[in-house]
Amino acid sequence: MPLILRKDITPEITLGIWHINENIETLLTLCLPDDRREAAKFVNESRKIEWLAWHALLQTLHPGAKASYDPQGGPILDVNLHIGVSHTRNYAAVILAPTPCAIDIENIERDFSRALPRYTTPQEQLIGTTLPNPQLYPALFWCSKEALYKLKRNSGIDFLQDLHINAVDPNNRTIQARAQETQHMLHYLKQDSLCCVYAWEQ
C-alpha cells in the first residue's frame, strides 16, 4: 500500500505520506485526466514520478480536488482548502488545511554536514545537539526552515537571517520558530527513515 501514513490532525486538517513504489503507468491511473495530460509535458522521468505521486496522494486524501499553481509557484486547489506539498527520493507528502499550510520531508540519513552552516546558526546547532536524538536535528531543522519558507511564500527569505528556530519540545514534537517577525508553532514526526515537519496558520 503506497499510503504509509494518514494523520487526521484535526477534523479539518489532514496529512498524508506516500511511499512511491509504482511505475508511471500505475500512477497515471490514480490521477485525474487533467493531471495525466500535464504529466505528459515532463521530460525527466523521476520528476514526473514525484509529481504524479503527490497528485495521486491528493486524490487519496480528497478525491476530485484539482491542483494548480499560484503566481509564486505554490500549489493551490479548486476546493476551499489550502495545500502543502513535499517530495524526496521515493516519498511524497501532502497536507490539507482550511488555512495556509506547509509540509517538508527529508531522509534522516542524508548527509547535511556541509550544508549545515548555511541554514543553521551556532545557537540553533546548540539546540539541536542537546536534543534526545541529536542525529535527527540536521534533517529536522532543514525541514523546519523549508516548511517555514513554503508557509511564507516569499522568495526573498534568507534561511539564516529570516528563519529562526527558538526551541524544540521532543515530548510534544513541536518546534517554536520565527519567520522574520512572526512566531510560528511547527509540528514534526518521524516515519520510517523520514523526518516530516508541518505547519498551518493558526
N, C-alpha and C. Protein backbone atom coordinates (compact mmCIF):
# COMPACT_ATOMS: atom_id res chain seq x y z
N MET A 1 0.84 -1.19 0.00
CA MET A 1 0.00 0.00 0.00
C MET A 1 0.88 1.24 0.00
N PRO A 2 0.80 2.11 -1.01
CA PRO A 2 1.70 3.26 -1.10
C PRO A 2 1.44 4.32 -0.05
N LEU A 3 0.19 4.45 0.45
CA LEU A 3 -0.09 5.41 1.51
C LEU A 3 0.38 4.81 2.81
N ILE A 4 1.51 5.31 3.34
CA ILE A 4 2.07 4.71 4.56
C ILE A 4 1.63 5.45 5.80
N LEU A 5 1.09 6.66 5.64
CA LEU A 5 0.60 7.40 6.80
C LEU A 5 -0.51 8.35 6.37
N ARG A 6 -1.62 8.27 7.09
CA ARG A 6 -2.65 9.30 7.01
C ARG A 6 -2.90 9.76 8.43
N LYS A 7 -2.70 11.05 8.67
CA LYS A 7 -2.84 11.61 10.00
C LYS A 7 -3.89 12.70 9.96
N ASP A 8 -5.01 12.47 10.63
CA ASP A 8 -6.04 13.48 10.75
C ASP A 8 -5.72 14.33 11.98
N ILE A 9 -5.02 15.44 11.73
CA ILE A 9 -4.52 16.28 12.81
C ILE A 9 -5.69 16.91 13.57
N THR A 10 -6.66 17.42 12.82
CA THR A 10 -7.93 17.89 13.35
C THR A 10 -8.99 17.40 12.37
N PRO A 11 -10.27 17.61 12.66
CA PRO A 11 -11.29 17.22 11.68
C PRO A 11 -11.13 17.91 10.33
N GLU A 12 -10.41 19.04 10.30
CA GLU A 12 -10.27 19.81 9.05
C GLU A 12 -8.87 19.76 8.46
N ILE A 13 -7.92 19.22 9.18
CA ILE A 13 -6.52 19.21 8.72
C ILE A 13 -6.05 17.76 8.60
N THR A 14 -5.56 17.41 7.41
CA THR A 14 -5.14 16.04 7.13
C THR A 14 -3.76 16.03 6.49
N LEU A 15 -2.96 15.07 6.90
CA LEU A 15 -1.60 14.90 6.36
C LEU A 15 -1.48 13.49 5.83
N GLY A 16 -0.79 13.35 4.71
CA GLY A 16 -0.54 12.03 4.15
C GLY A 16 0.89 11.90 3.65
N ILE A 17 1.46 10.71 3.80
CA ILE A 17 2.80 10.40 3.25
C ILE A 17 2.66 9.16 2.38
N TRP A 18 3.23 9.23 1.20
CA TRP A 18 3.11 8.19 0.17
C TRP A 18 4.48 7.62 -0.14
N HIS A 19 4.61 6.31 -0.06
CA HIS A 19 5.84 5.65 -0.48
C HIS A 19 5.73 5.33 -1.96
N ILE A 20 6.60 5.93 -2.75
CA ILE A 20 6.50 5.79 -4.20
C ILE A 20 7.17 4.49 -4.64
N ASN A 21 6.36 3.50 -4.92
CA ASN A 21 6.91 2.26 -5.47
C ASN A 21 6.20 1.83 -6.74
N GLU A 22 5.40 2.76 -7.32
CA GLU A 22 4.68 2.48 -8.55
C GLU A 22 5.48 2.98 -9.76
N ASN A 23 5.16 2.44 -10.91
CA ASN A 23 5.73 2.97 -12.14
C ASN A 23 4.81 4.09 -12.65
N ILE A 24 5.24 4.76 -13.70
CA ILE A 24 4.49 5.90 -14.23
C ILE A 24 3.10 5.48 -14.67
N GLU A 25 2.99 4.34 -15.32
CA GLU A 25 1.70 3.89 -15.84
C GLU A 25 0.69 3.69 -14.71
N THR A 26 1.15 3.11 -13.61
CA THR A 26 0.24 2.90 -12.48
C THR A 26 -0.18 4.23 -11.86
N LEU A 27 0.78 5.13 -11.68
CA LEU A 27 0.46 6.43 -11.08
C LEU A 27 -0.52 7.21 -11.95
N LEU A 28 -0.37 7.10 -13.25
CA LEU A 28 -1.29 7.81 -14.15
C LEU A 28 -2.73 7.38 -13.92
N THR A 29 -2.95 6.11 -13.64
CA THR A 29 -4.31 5.62 -13.42
C THR A 29 -4.92 6.15 -12.13
N LEU A 30 -4.08 6.66 -11.22
CA LEU A 30 -4.55 7.14 -9.92
C LEU A 30 -4.81 8.64 -9.92
N CYS A 31 -4.54 9.30 -11.05
CA CYS A 31 -4.64 10.75 -11.13
C CYS A 31 -5.81 11.17 -12.02
N LEU A 32 -6.17 12.43 -11.92
CA LEU A 32 -7.25 12.97 -12.75
C LEU A 32 -6.80 13.11 -14.21
N PRO A 33 -7.75 13.13 -15.15
CA PRO A 33 -7.37 13.29 -16.57
C PRO A 33 -6.52 14.54 -16.83
N ASP A 34 -6.84 15.67 -16.18
CA ASP A 34 -6.03 16.88 -16.36
C ASP A 34 -4.60 16.66 -15.90
N ASP A 35 -4.43 15.93 -14.81
CA ASP A 35 -3.09 15.64 -14.31
C ASP A 35 -2.32 14.75 -15.28
N ARG A 36 -3.02 13.80 -15.88
CA ARG A 36 -2.35 12.92 -16.84
C ARG A 36 -1.87 13.70 -18.05
N ARG A 37 -2.68 14.66 -18.48
CA ARG A 37 -2.25 15.49 -19.63
C ARG A 37 -1.06 16.38 -19.24
N GLU A 38 -1.09 16.91 -18.03
CA GLU A 38 0.01 17.77 -17.58
C GLU A 38 1.30 16.96 -17.42
N ALA A 39 1.17 15.73 -16.94
CA ALA A 39 2.35 14.89 -16.73
C ALA A 39 3.07 14.58 -18.03
N ALA A 40 2.34 14.59 -19.13
CA ALA A 40 2.96 14.30 -20.42
C ALA A 40 4.00 15.34 -20.81
N LYS A 41 3.97 16.52 -20.18
CA LYS A 41 4.92 17.58 -20.50
C LYS A 41 6.28 17.37 -19.84
N PHE A 42 6.34 16.49 -18.86
CA PHE A 42 7.60 16.27 -18.14
C PHE A 42 8.56 15.45 -19.01
N VAL A 43 9.81 15.87 -19.02
CA VAL A 43 10.86 15.13 -19.74
C VAL A 43 11.61 14.21 -18.78
N ASN A 44 11.91 14.74 -17.58
CA ASN A 44 12.65 13.96 -16.59
C ASN A 44 11.72 12.95 -15.92
N GLU A 45 12.05 11.68 -16.02
CA GLU A 45 11.17 10.62 -15.53
C GLU A 45 11.01 10.66 -14.02
N SER A 46 12.10 10.88 -13.28
CA SER A 46 11.99 10.89 -11.82
C SER A 46 11.13 12.05 -11.33
N ARG A 47 11.26 13.21 -11.98
CA ARG A 47 10.42 14.35 -11.62
C ARG A 47 8.95 14.06 -11.93
N LYS A 48 8.71 13.38 -13.04
CA LYS A 48 7.33 13.03 -13.41
C LYS A 48 6.73 12.10 -12.36
N ILE A 49 7.50 11.12 -11.92
CA ILE A 49 7.01 10.17 -10.92
C ILE A 49 6.68 10.88 -9.62
N GLU A 50 7.57 11.78 -9.16
CA GLU A 50 7.31 12.51 -7.92
C GLU A 50 6.07 13.38 -8.05
N TRP A 51 5.93 14.04 -9.19
CA TRP A 51 4.77 14.92 -9.43
C TRP A 51 3.48 14.10 -9.44
N LEU A 52 3.50 12.98 -10.14
CA LEU A 52 2.32 12.13 -10.18
C LEU A 52 2.00 11.55 -8.80
N ALA A 53 3.03 11.24 -8.03
CA ALA A 53 2.80 10.64 -6.72
C ALA A 53 2.06 11.58 -5.79
N TRP A 54 2.45 12.87 -5.78
CA TRP A 54 1.72 13.75 -4.85
C TRP A 54 0.32 14.05 -5.36
N HIS A 55 0.11 14.01 -6.66
CA HIS A 55 -1.24 14.17 -7.18
C HIS A 55 -2.10 12.93 -6.87
N ALA A 56 -1.49 11.75 -6.93
CA ALA A 56 -2.21 10.54 -6.53
C ALA A 56 -2.55 10.58 -5.04
N LEU A 57 -1.61 11.07 -4.24
CA LEU A 57 -1.85 11.22 -2.80
C LEU A 57 -2.98 12.21 -2.54
N LEU A 58 -3.00 13.32 -3.28
CA LEU A 58 -4.10 14.27 -3.15
C LEU A 58 -5.45 13.61 -3.41
N GLN A 59 -5.52 12.77 -4.44
CA GLN A 59 -6.77 12.09 -4.76
C GLN A 59 -7.17 11.11 -3.66
N THR A 60 -6.20 10.55 -2.97
CA THR A 60 -6.48 9.66 -1.85
C THR A 60 -7.05 10.44 -0.67
N LEU A 61 -6.48 11.62 -0.40
CA LEU A 61 -6.92 12.42 0.74
C LEU A 61 -8.19 13.21 0.46
N HIS A 62 -8.34 13.69 -0.79
CA HIS A 62 -9.51 14.50 -1.15
C HIS A 62 -9.88 14.22 -2.60
N PRO A 63 -10.59 13.14 -2.85
CA PRO A 63 -10.91 12.75 -4.24
C PRO A 63 -11.60 13.87 -5.01
N GLY A 64 -11.13 14.10 -6.22
CA GLY A 64 -11.73 15.09 -7.10
C GLY A 64 -11.11 16.47 -7.03
N ALA A 65 -10.31 16.74 -6.01
CA ALA A 65 -9.68 18.06 -5.89
C ALA A 65 -8.62 18.23 -6.99
N LYS A 66 -8.62 19.40 -7.62
CA LYS A 66 -7.67 19.69 -8.68
C LYS A 66 -6.65 20.71 -8.20
N ALA A 67 -5.39 20.45 -8.49
CA ALA A 67 -4.30 21.32 -8.06
C ALA A 67 -3.77 22.13 -9.23
N SER A 68 -3.42 23.38 -8.94
CA SER A 68 -2.72 24.23 -9.90
C SER A 68 -1.69 25.04 -9.11
N TYR A 69 -1.19 26.13 -9.69
CA TYR A 69 -0.15 26.90 -9.02
C TYR A 69 -0.49 28.38 -9.01
N ASP A 70 -0.11 29.05 -7.92
CA ASP A 70 -0.31 30.50 -7.83
C ASP A 70 0.85 31.21 -8.52
N PRO A 71 0.82 32.54 -8.63
CA PRO A 71 1.89 33.27 -9.33
C PRO A 71 3.28 33.06 -8.71
N GLN A 72 3.34 32.70 -7.42
CA GLN A 72 4.63 32.46 -6.78
C GLN A 72 5.11 31.02 -6.96
N GLY A 73 4.30 30.21 -7.64
CA GLY A 73 4.68 28.82 -7.88
C GLY A 73 4.24 27.85 -6.81
N GLY A 74 3.44 28.33 -5.84
CA GLY A 74 2.95 27.46 -4.79
C GLY A 74 1.70 26.74 -5.23
N PRO A 75 1.48 25.52 -4.75
CA PRO A 75 0.28 24.76 -5.15
C PRO A 75 -0.99 25.33 -4.52
N ILE A 76 -2.06 25.34 -5.29
CA ILE A 76 -3.38 25.76 -4.81
C ILE A 76 -4.41 24.76 -5.31
N LEU A 77 -5.59 24.78 -4.67
CA LEU A 77 -6.65 23.83 -5.02
C LEU A 77 -7.89 24.57 -5.50
N ASP A 78 -8.74 23.81 -6.19
CA ASP A 78 -10.01 24.38 -6.66
C ASP A 78 -11.13 24.15 -5.66
N VAL A 79 -10.80 23.66 -4.47
CA VAL A 79 -11.76 23.50 -3.39
C VAL A 79 -11.36 24.43 -2.25
N ASN A 80 -12.21 24.57 -1.26
CA ASN A 80 -11.98 25.53 -0.19
C ASN A 80 -11.00 24.99 0.85
N LEU A 81 -9.81 24.63 0.38
CA LEU A 81 -8.74 24.13 1.23
C LEU A 81 -7.41 24.64 0.72
N HIS A 82 -6.47 24.77 1.62
CA HIS A 82 -5.08 25.07 1.25
C HIS A 82 -4.30 23.77 1.24
N ILE A 83 -3.21 23.76 0.48
CA ILE A 83 -2.40 22.55 0.33
C ILE A 83 -0.93 22.87 0.49
N GLY A 84 -0.21 21.97 1.12
CA GLY A 84 1.24 21.99 1.16
C GLY A 84 1.75 20.68 0.60
N VAL A 85 2.88 20.73 -0.11
CA VAL A 85 3.41 19.56 -0.81
C VAL A 85 4.90 19.44 -0.58
N SER A 86 5.38 18.22 -0.48
CA SER A 86 6.82 17.97 -0.43
C SER A 86 7.10 16.61 -1.04
N HIS A 87 8.27 16.44 -1.60
CA HIS A 87 8.69 15.12 -2.05
C HIS A 87 10.20 15.02 -1.97
N THR A 88 10.64 13.83 -1.71
CA THR A 88 12.06 13.50 -1.71
C THR A 88 12.17 12.12 -2.34
N ARG A 89 13.33 11.59 -2.41
CA ARG A 89 13.51 10.32 -3.12
C ARG A 89 12.59 9.23 -2.54
N ASN A 90 11.71 8.70 -3.39
CA ASN A 90 10.81 7.59 -3.08
C ASN A 90 9.63 7.95 -2.18
N TYR A 91 9.47 9.23 -1.84
CA TYR A 91 8.37 9.61 -0.96
C TYR A 91 7.75 10.93 -1.42
N ALA A 92 6.46 11.07 -1.13
CA ALA A 92 5.76 12.33 -1.35
C ALA A 92 4.87 12.58 -0.14
N ALA A 93 4.60 13.85 0.14
CA ALA A 93 3.76 14.21 1.29
C ALA A 93 2.86 15.38 0.92
N VAL A 94 1.67 15.38 1.51
CA VAL A 94 0.69 16.43 1.28
C VAL A 94 0.02 16.76 2.61
N ILE A 95 -0.24 18.05 2.85
CA ILE A 95 -1.07 18.47 3.97
C ILE A 95 -2.20 19.34 3.42
N LEU A 96 -3.40 19.15 3.94
CA LEU A 96 -4.57 19.93 3.55
C LEU A 96 -5.12 20.60 4.80
N ALA A 97 -5.46 21.90 4.68
CA ALA A 97 -5.96 22.65 5.84
C ALA A 97 -6.84 23.80 5.36
N PRO A 98 -7.70 24.32 6.23
CA PRO A 98 -8.54 25.46 5.85
C PRO A 98 -7.79 26.78 5.83
N THR A 99 -6.58 26.81 6.36
CA THR A 99 -5.73 28.00 6.35
C THR A 99 -4.42 27.67 5.64
N PRO A 100 -3.62 28.66 5.25
CA PRO A 100 -2.33 28.37 4.61
C PRO A 100 -1.51 27.37 5.43
N CYS A 101 -0.91 26.41 4.72
CA CYS A 101 -0.21 25.33 5.39
C CYS A 101 1.03 24.95 4.59
N ALA A 102 1.90 24.17 5.22
CA ALA A 102 3.14 23.76 4.55
C ALA A 102 3.63 22.46 5.17
N ILE A 103 4.41 21.72 4.39
CA ILE A 103 4.99 20.46 4.85
C ILE A 103 6.33 20.27 4.17
N ASP A 104 7.24 19.59 4.86
CA ASP A 104 8.50 19.23 4.22
C ASP A 104 8.97 17.90 4.78
N ILE A 105 9.48 17.04 3.90
CA ILE A 105 10.02 15.75 4.31
C ILE A 105 11.45 15.62 3.80
N GLU A 106 12.24 14.86 4.54
CA GLU A 106 13.62 14.61 4.12
C GLU A 106 14.10 13.33 4.78
N ASN A 107 15.00 12.63 4.09
CA ASN A 107 15.58 11.42 4.63
C ASN A 107 16.56 11.77 5.74
N ILE A 108 16.36 11.16 6.90
CA ILE A 108 17.21 11.45 8.06
C ILE A 108 18.65 11.08 7.79
N GLU A 109 18.88 10.10 6.93
CA GLU A 109 20.24 9.62 6.67
C GLU A 109 21.00 10.49 5.68
N ARG A 110 20.36 11.50 5.12
CA ARG A 110 21.06 12.42 4.22
C ARG A 110 22.20 13.12 4.96
N ASP A 111 23.31 13.31 4.29
CA ASP A 111 24.46 13.98 4.89
C ASP A 111 24.29 15.51 4.78
N PHE A 112 24.02 16.16 5.92
CA PHE A 112 23.83 17.60 5.95
C PHE A 112 25.07 18.35 6.40
N SER A 113 26.18 17.66 6.64
CA SER A 113 27.33 18.27 7.31
C SER A 113 27.86 19.50 6.58
N ARG A 114 27.92 19.45 5.27
CA ARG A 114 28.46 20.59 4.53
C ARG A 114 27.45 21.73 4.44
N ALA A 115 26.18 21.39 4.38
CA ALA A 115 25.14 22.42 4.24
C ALA A 115 24.76 23.05 5.56
N LEU A 116 25.01 22.37 6.67
CA LEU A 116 24.51 22.80 7.98
C LEU A 116 24.81 24.27 8.29
N PRO A 117 26.04 24.76 8.08
CA PRO A 117 26.31 26.18 8.41
C PRO A 117 25.55 27.17 7.53
N ARG A 118 25.01 26.70 6.41
CA ARG A 118 24.30 27.61 5.51
C ARG A 118 22.83 27.77 5.89
N TYR A 119 22.32 26.91 6.78
CA TYR A 119 20.92 27.06 7.15
C TYR A 119 20.66 27.04 8.66
N THR A 120 21.71 26.83 9.48
CA THR A 120 21.54 26.91 10.93
C THR A 120 22.62 27.79 11.55
N THR A 121 22.23 28.54 12.55
CA THR A 121 23.17 29.38 13.29
C THR A 121 23.85 28.54 14.37
N PRO A 122 24.96 29.02 14.94
CA PRO A 122 25.58 28.29 16.06
C PRO A 122 24.61 28.07 17.23
N GLN A 123 23.74 29.03 17.51
CA GLN A 123 22.77 28.87 18.58
C GLN A 123 21.78 27.75 18.25
N GLU A 124 21.33 27.68 17.00
CA GLU A 124 20.43 26.60 16.60
C GLU A 124 21.12 25.25 16.65
N GLN A 125 22.37 25.20 16.26
CA GLN A 125 23.11 23.95 16.33
C GLN A 125 23.25 23.47 17.77
N LEU A 126 23.40 24.42 18.72
CA LEU A 126 23.47 24.07 20.12
C LEU A 126 22.15 23.46 20.59
N ILE A 127 21.05 24.06 20.16
CA ILE A 127 19.73 23.50 20.48
C ILE A 127 19.63 22.06 19.95
N GLY A 128 20.09 21.87 18.73
CA GLY A 128 20.00 20.55 18.10
C GLY A 128 20.81 19.49 18.82
N THR A 129 22.01 19.84 19.25
CA THR A 129 22.89 18.85 19.89
C THR A 129 22.41 18.48 21.29
N THR A 130 21.52 19.26 21.88
CA THR A 130 21.01 18.93 23.22
C THR A 130 19.71 18.13 23.16
N LEU A 131 19.21 17.82 21.96
CA LEU A 131 18.00 17.03 21.84
C LEU A 131 18.28 15.57 22.21
N PRO A 132 17.25 14.82 22.62
CA PRO A 132 17.46 13.41 22.96
C PRO A 132 18.06 12.60 21.80
N ASN A 133 17.71 12.96 20.57
CA ASN A 133 18.26 12.29 19.40
C ASN A 133 18.96 13.33 18.52
N PRO A 134 20.18 13.70 18.87
CA PRO A 134 20.85 14.77 18.12
C PRO A 134 21.10 14.42 16.65
N GLN A 135 21.09 13.12 16.30
CA GLN A 135 21.30 12.74 14.90
C GLN A 135 20.12 13.18 14.03
N LEU A 136 18.98 13.43 14.66
CA LEU A 136 17.80 13.83 13.91
C LEU A 136 17.82 15.31 13.52
N TYR A 137 18.51 16.13 14.32
CA TYR A 137 18.31 17.57 14.17
C TYR A 137 18.74 18.17 12.84
N PRO A 138 19.79 17.71 12.15
CA PRO A 138 20.09 18.34 10.85
C PRO A 138 18.92 18.24 9.87
N ALA A 139 18.31 17.07 9.78
CA ALA A 139 17.13 16.92 8.90
C ALA A 139 15.94 17.67 9.47
N LEU A 140 15.76 17.61 10.80
CA LEU A 140 14.63 18.28 11.44
C LEU A 140 14.66 19.78 11.21
N PHE A 141 15.84 20.38 11.36
CA PHE A 141 15.94 21.83 11.20
C PHE A 141 15.87 22.23 9.73
N TRP A 142 16.39 21.39 8.85
CA TRP A 142 16.24 21.65 7.41
C TRP A 142 14.75 21.66 7.03
N CYS A 143 14.04 20.63 7.44
CA CYS A 143 12.61 20.54 7.13
C CYS A 143 11.84 21.69 7.77
N SER A 144 12.23 22.09 8.97
CA SER A 144 11.55 23.20 9.65
C SER A 144 11.67 24.48 8.86
N LYS A 145 12.86 24.78 8.39
CA LYS A 145 13.06 26.03 7.66
C LYS A 145 12.44 25.95 6.27
N GLU A 146 12.46 24.78 5.66
CA GLU A 146 11.79 24.62 4.37
C GLU A 146 10.28 24.82 4.55
N ALA A 147 9.71 24.25 5.60
CA ALA A 147 8.27 24.40 5.84
C ALA A 147 7.92 25.86 6.09
N LEU A 148 8.74 26.56 6.87
CA LEU A 148 8.50 27.99 7.11
C LEU A 148 8.58 28.78 5.81
N TYR A 149 9.58 28.46 5.02
CA TYR A 149 9.76 29.14 3.73
C TYR A 149 8.53 28.95 2.85
N LYS A 150 8.04 27.72 2.79
CA LYS A 150 6.85 27.44 1.98
C LYS A 150 5.62 28.13 2.55
N LEU A 151 5.54 28.20 3.88
CA LEU A 151 4.39 28.83 4.51
C LEU A 151 4.32 30.32 4.18
N LYS A 152 5.48 30.98 4.15
CA LYS A 152 5.52 32.43 3.90
C LYS A 152 5.39 32.75 2.42
N ARG A 153 5.80 31.83 1.55
CA ARG A 153 5.72 32.03 0.09
C ARG A 153 6.33 33.37 -0.34
N ASN A 154 7.53 33.60 0.15
CA ASN A 154 8.27 34.82 -0.17
C ASN A 154 9.67 34.41 -0.59
N SER A 155 9.96 34.55 -1.88
CA SER A 155 11.24 34.07 -2.42
C SER A 155 12.44 34.85 -1.88
N GLY A 156 12.20 36.00 -1.25
CA GLY A 156 13.30 36.81 -0.74
C GLY A 156 13.77 36.41 0.64
N ILE A 157 13.19 35.38 1.24
CA ILE A 157 13.54 34.98 2.60
C ILE A 157 14.88 34.26 2.63
N ASP A 158 15.72 34.63 3.60
CA ASP A 158 17.02 34.01 3.80
C ASP A 158 16.93 33.03 4.97
N PHE A 159 17.42 31.79 4.77
CA PHE A 159 17.29 30.77 5.79
C PHE A 159 18.02 31.12 7.08
N LEU A 160 19.13 31.82 6.99
CA LEU A 160 19.90 32.17 8.18
C LEU A 160 19.41 33.45 8.84
N GLN A 161 19.12 34.46 8.02
CA GLN A 161 18.78 35.77 8.56
C GLN A 161 17.31 35.90 8.95
N ASP A 162 16.42 35.23 8.24
CA ASP A 162 14.99 35.46 8.41
C ASP A 162 14.22 34.33 9.09
N LEU A 163 14.79 33.13 9.12
CA LEU A 163 14.11 31.98 9.71
C LEU A 163 14.91 31.49 10.91
N HIS A 164 14.24 31.41 12.04
CA HIS A 164 14.96 31.08 13.29
C HIS A 164 14.21 30.01 14.08
N ILE A 165 14.94 29.05 14.60
CA ILE A 165 14.40 28.03 15.49
C ILE A 165 14.76 28.42 16.91
N ASN A 166 13.73 28.61 17.74
CA ASN A 166 13.95 29.09 19.10
C ASN A 166 13.98 27.97 20.13
N ALA A 167 13.18 26.94 19.92
CA ALA A 167 13.12 25.84 20.90
C ALA A 167 12.45 24.63 20.26
N VAL A 168 12.79 23.45 20.81
CA VAL A 168 12.19 22.20 20.37
C VAL A 168 11.67 21.46 21.59
N ASP A 169 10.44 20.98 21.50
CA ASP A 169 9.84 20.18 22.58
C ASP A 169 9.71 18.74 22.08
N PRO A 170 10.66 17.87 22.44
CA PRO A 170 10.62 16.49 21.93
C PRO A 170 9.41 15.70 22.44
N ASN A 171 8.87 16.07 23.59
CA ASN A 171 7.74 15.33 24.15
C ASN A 171 6.48 15.57 23.33
N ASN A 172 6.24 16.81 22.96
CA ASN A 172 5.06 17.15 22.17
C ASN A 172 5.35 17.20 20.67
N ARG A 173 6.63 17.03 20.33
CA ARG A 173 7.08 17.08 18.94
C ARG A 173 6.64 18.39 18.27
N THR A 174 6.98 19.48 18.94
CA THR A 174 6.70 20.81 18.42
C THR A 174 7.99 21.62 18.38
N ILE A 175 7.98 22.62 17.51
CA ILE A 175 9.14 23.50 17.33
C ILE A 175 8.64 24.94 17.36
N GLN A 176 9.22 25.73 18.24
CA GLN A 176 8.93 27.16 18.26
C GLN A 176 9.90 27.84 17.29
N ALA A 177 9.35 28.56 16.33
CA ALA A 177 10.19 29.16 15.29
C ALA A 177 9.69 30.56 14.97
N ARG A 178 10.54 31.30 14.28
CA ARG A 178 10.18 32.65 13.88
C ARG A 178 10.56 32.85 12.41
N ALA A 179 9.62 33.37 11.65
CA ALA A 179 9.87 33.75 10.26
C ALA A 179 9.78 35.26 10.18
N GLN A 180 10.94 35.89 10.01
CA GLN A 180 11.03 37.34 10.10
C GLN A 180 10.49 37.77 11.46
N GLU A 181 9.39 38.51 11.54
CA GLU A 181 8.90 38.96 12.84
C GLU A 181 7.72 38.15 13.36
N THR A 182 7.35 37.07 12.67
CA THR A 182 6.16 36.31 13.03
C THR A 182 6.54 35.00 13.71
N GLN A 183 5.93 34.73 14.85
CA GLN A 183 6.16 33.48 15.57
C GLN A 183 5.28 32.37 14.99
N HIS A 184 5.84 31.16 14.93
CA HIS A 184 5.11 30.02 14.40
C HIS A 184 5.35 28.80 15.28
N MET A 185 4.35 27.95 15.36
CA MET A 185 4.49 26.65 16.00
C MET A 185 4.48 25.59 14.92
N LEU A 186 5.58 24.85 14.82
CA LEU A 186 5.70 23.76 13.86
C LEU A 186 5.51 22.43 14.58
N HIS A 187 5.13 21.42 13.83
CA HIS A 187 4.97 20.08 14.37
C HIS A 187 5.82 19.11 13.55
N TYR A 188 6.27 18.05 14.19
CA TYR A 188 7.10 17.11 13.43
C TYR A 188 6.79 15.68 13.84
N LEU A 189 7.18 14.77 12.94
CA LEU A 189 7.08 13.35 13.21
C LEU A 189 8.18 12.63 12.45
N LYS A 190 8.44 11.41 12.85
CA LYS A 190 9.39 10.54 12.17
C LYS A 190 8.61 9.35 11.65
N GLN A 191 8.76 9.08 10.36
CA GLN A 191 8.08 7.95 9.73
C GLN A 191 9.10 7.18 8.91
N ASP A 192 9.37 5.93 9.32
CA ASP A 192 10.42 5.14 8.69
C ASP A 192 11.73 5.95 8.76
N SER A 193 12.35 6.18 7.61
CA SER A 193 13.61 6.94 7.61
C SER A 193 13.38 8.41 7.31
N LEU A 194 12.13 8.85 7.39
CA LEU A 194 11.79 10.22 7.04
C LEU A 194 11.62 11.09 8.27
N CYS A 195 12.04 12.33 8.13
CA CYS A 195 11.67 13.39 9.05
C CYS A 195 10.61 14.23 8.33
N CYS A 196 9.55 14.57 9.03
CA CYS A 196 8.46 15.34 8.45
C CYS A 196 8.11 16.50 9.37
N VAL A 197 8.11 17.71 8.84
CA VAL A 197 7.71 18.90 9.60
C VAL A 197 6.54 19.55 8.87
N TYR A 198 5.54 19.96 9.64
CA TYR A 198 4.35 20.56 9.03
C TYR A 198 3.83 21.69 9.91
N ALA A 199 3.10 22.60 9.26
CA ALA A 199 2.59 23.77 9.97
C ALA A 199 1.38 24.32 9.24
N TRP A 200 0.59 25.07 9.95
CA TRP A 200 -0.54 25.77 9.34
C TRP A 200 -0.74 27.08 10.08
N GLU A 201 -1.31 28.04 9.40
CA GLU A 201 -1.60 29.33 10.02
C GLU A 201 -2.71 29.14 11.06
N GLN A 202 -2.46 29.62 12.27
CA GLN A 202 -3.44 29.47 13.34
C GLN A 202 -4.56 30.50 13.19
